[in-house]
Amino acid sequence: MQYYFPSLDDIFVAAIRRYSERNMEWLTEELQRRADDPLHALWESSWHESTSALMTEFMALGNHRKSIRSEIAAVTDSMRRVQVEALVAKFGNDARLLADLSFDAVVLLINGVPKLLGLEESVGVDTAHAELIAACERFLDAVEPRAKPRRRSKKAPTRRR
């Protein structure tokens, strides 16, 4: 291993890149497939990402290792750009969504809520989670009405390639 990776950080950075490339490919395909409802596609995919134990471990490593933190920041920025581009494609470049939120703020909200709730659930806290999830889904439905209602599953399916 040392032949290919001079340091432990290099191994982690390579793993983050590989994991992120796979997720980026999947997300890009999903957003293309669901170009008519990108908000709901992002919401549903954010629950899958937030349940990833590997991503949680990468984030913990990033708190202590600058090179890993930098890589996580770079891939997060790339993912968010793709997500914002999907919203621009549907709503137009200058659109502001409910509560006058920018696309960047909407993407942060859509990605952040599942991560926070996942962290709380991992330590046994679930106060007001159902209420917040329902409010977020009403917000999404108000901005991007669905042809047929679909609820997110409690458990995210595992994606293996």
Protein backbone atom coordinates (compact mmCIF):
# COMPACT_ATOMS: atom_id res chain seq x y z
CA MET A 1 0.00 0.00 0.00
CA GLN A 2 2.79 2.41 0.82
CA TYR A 3 3.99 2.05 -2.76
CA TYR A 4 0.79 3.62 -4.08
CA PHE A 5 -0.01 5.89 -1.16
CA PRO A 6 2.84 7.68 0.62
CA SER A 7 0.72 8.44 3.68
CA LEU A 8 -2.42 7.33 5.45
CA ASP A 9 -4.05 10.64 4.51
CA ASP A 10 -3.42 9.84 0.83
CA ILE A 11 -5.31 6.57 1.23
CA PHE A 12 -8.26 8.36 2.83
CA VAL A 13 -8.27 11.09 0.17
CA ALA A 14 -8.28 8.43 -2.57
CA ALA A 15 -11.17 6.63 -0.85
CA ILE A 16 -13.14 9.88 -0.53
CA ARG A 17 -12.57 10.65 -4.21
CA ARG A 18 -13.69 7.20 -5.31
CA TYR A 19 -16.76 7.28 -3.08
CA SER A 20 -17.61 10.81 -4.22
CA GLU A 21 -17.14 10.03 -7.91
CA ARG A 22 -19.54 7.11 -7.60
CA ASN A 23 -22.08 9.29 -5.78
CA MET A 24 -21.66 12.12 -8.31
CA GLU A 25 -22.29 9.73 -11.19
CA TRP A 26 -25.40 8.34 -9.49
CA LEU A 27 -26.71 11.82 -8.57
CA THR A 28 -26.14 13.19 -12.07
CA GLU A 29 -28.03 10.28 -13.60
CA GLU A 30 -30.84 10.65 -11.06
CA LEU A 31 -31.20 14.39 -11.71
CA GLN A 32 -31.25 13.82 -15.47
CA ARG A 33 -33.85 11.09 -15.08
CA ARG A 34 -35.97 13.28 -12.82
CA ALA A 35 -35.46 16.67 -14.45
CA ASP A 36 -39.14 17.47 -13.86
CA ASP A 37 -38.85 17.09 -10.07
CA PRO A 38 -35.26 17.90 -9.03
CA LEU A 39 -36.24 19.17 -5.57
CA HIS A 40 -37.85 15.88 -4.66
CA ALA A 41 -35.00 13.92 -6.25
CA LEU A 42 -32.49 15.88 -4.15
CA TRP A 43 -34.55 15.41 -0.99
CA GLU A 44 -34.78 11.66 -1.50
CA SER A 45 -31.11 11.27 -2.42
CA SER A 46 -30.02 13.35 0.58
CA TRP A 47 -31.58 10.76 2.88
CA HIS A 48 -29.52 8.04 1.22
CA GLU A 49 -26.30 10.03 1.63
CA SER A 50 -27.06 10.98 5.23
CA THR A 51 -27.40 7.34 6.26
CA SER A 52 -23.99 6.43 4.94
CA ALA A 53 -21.76 5.32 7.79
CA LEU A 54 -18.75 5.79 5.53
CA MET A 55 -19.56 9.46 4.94
CA THR A 56 -19.97 9.99 8.68
CA GLU A 57 -16.52 8.49 9.24
CA PHE A 58 -14.99 10.67 6.52
CA MET A 59 -16.50 13.75 8.15
CA ALA A 60 -15.07 12.74 11.52
CA LEU A 61 -11.64 12.28 9.95
CA GLY A 62 -11.96 15.68 8.31
CA ASN A 63 -12.34 17.29 11.71
CA HIS A 64 -8.80 16.23 12.56
CA ARG A 65 -6.92 16.07 9.26
CA LYS A 66 -6.56 19.15 7.05
CA SER A 67 -5.98 17.25 3.78
CA ILE A 68 -9.13 15.21 4.32
CA ARG A 69 -11.13 18.29 5.33
CA SER A 70 -9.99 20.03 2.12
CA GLU A 71 -11.02 17.06 -0.02
CA ILE A 72 -14.44 16.84 1.63
CA ALA A 73 -14.95 20.57 1.05
CA ALA A 74 -13.98 20.25 -2.61
CA VAL A 75 -16.29 17.31 -3.33
CA THR A 76 -19.12 18.93 -1.37
CA ASP A 77 -18.78 22.10 -3.46
CA SER A 78 -18.81 20.02 -6.67
CA MET A 79 -21.91 18.10 -5.60
CA ARG A 80 -23.72 21.28 -4.65
CA ARG A 81 -22.88 22.90 -8.00
CA VAL A 82 -24.49 19.95 -9.79
CA GLN A 83 -27.53 20.21 -7.52
CA VAL A 84 -27.90 23.96 -8.06
CA GLU A 85 -27.54 23.49 -11.83
CA ALA A 86 -30.45 21.04 -11.77
CA LEU A 87 -32.62 23.64 -10.01
CA VAL A 88 -31.55 26.38 -12.43
CA ALA A 89 -32.46 24.09 -15.35
CA LYS A 90 -35.98 23.67 -14.00
CA PHE A 91 -36.77 27.05 -12.42
CA GLY A 92 -34.50 29.49 -14.29
CA ASN A 93 -31.34 31.28 -13.23
CA ASP A 94 -32.91 34.14 -11.26
CA ALA A 95 -35.74 32.24 -9.58
CA ARG A 96 -36.17 32.43 -5.82
CA LEU A 97 -38.12 29.70 -4.13
CA LEU A 98 -40.56 29.84 -1.24
CA ALA A 99 -39.47 32.22 1.53
CA ASP A 100 -37.25 33.93 -1.07
CA LEU A 101 -34.51 31.31 -0.74
CA SER A 102 -31.66 31.13 -3.23
CA PHE A 103 -30.90 27.80 -4.85
CA ASP A 104 -27.75 27.56 -2.73
CA ALA A 105 -29.83 27.95 0.44
CA VAL A 106 -32.39 25.39 -0.74
CA VAL A 107 -29.64 22.86 -1.55
CA LEU A 108 -28.05 23.44 1.87
CA LEU A 109 -31.42 22.92 3.57
CA ILE A 110 -32.22 19.79 1.56
CA ASN A 111 -28.81 18.28 2.32
CA GLY A 112 -28.52 19.50 5.90
CA VAL A 113 -31.81 18.42 7.43
CA PRO A 114 -31.31 14.68 6.79
CA LYS A 115 -27.71 14.83 8.06
CA LEU A 116 -28.72 16.56 11.29
CA LEU A 117 -31.64 14.22 11.88
CA GLY A 118 -29.45 11.21 11.10
CA LEU A 119 -26.88 12.34 13.66
CA GLU A 120 -29.58 12.82 16.28
CA GLU A 121 -31.20 9.47 15.50
CA SER A 122 -27.82 7.76 15.88
CA VAL A 123 -27.81 8.77 19.56
CA GLY A 124 -31.50 8.03 20.14
CA VAL A 125 -32.96 11.53 19.73
CA ASP A 126 -36.01 11.95 17.53
CA THR A 127 -37.98 14.80 19.09
CA ALA A 128 -39.88 16.76 16.42
CA HIS A 129 -38.20 14.85 13.58
CA ALA A 130 -41.47 13.71 12.01
CA GLU A 131 -42.86 17.24 12.26
CA LEU A 132 -39.80 18.76 10.58
CA ILE A 133 -39.76 16.13 7.82
CA ALA A 134 -43.46 16.75 7.13
CA ALA A 135 -42.88 20.53 7.00
CA CYS A 136 -39.96 20.12 4.59
CA GLU A 137 -42.02 17.84 2.36
CA ARG A 138 -44.92 20.33 2.35
CA PHE A 139 -42.43 23.05 1.36
CA LEU A 140 -41.14 20.92 -1.51
CA ASP A 141 -44.66 19.99 -2.61
CA ALA A 142 -45.69 23.67 -2.60
CA VAL A 143 -42.75 24.66 -4.81
CA GLU A 144 -42.71 21.53 -6.98
CA PRO A 145 -46.10 19.77 -6.94
CA ARG A 146 -46.02 16.05 -7.62
CA ALA A 147 -48.19 14.24 -10.09
CA LYS A 148 -48.51 11.39 -7.60
CA PRO A 149 -47.48 11.49 -3.94
CA ARG A 150 -44.47 9.43 -2.95
CA ARG A 151 -43.04 9.15 0.56
CA ARG A 152 -39.40 8.64 1.32
CA SER A 153 -38.60 5.28 2.78
CA LYS A 154 -37.36 5.05 6.35
CA LYS A 155 -34.35 2.99 5.28
CA ALA A 156 -32.21 4.03 2.36
CA PRO A 157 -31.42 1.30 -0.11
CA THR A 158 -27.77 0.41 -0.40
CA ARG A 159 -26.23 1.10 -3.75
CA ARG A 160 -23.40 -1.17 -4.77
CA ARG A 161 -21.49 -1.04 -8.01
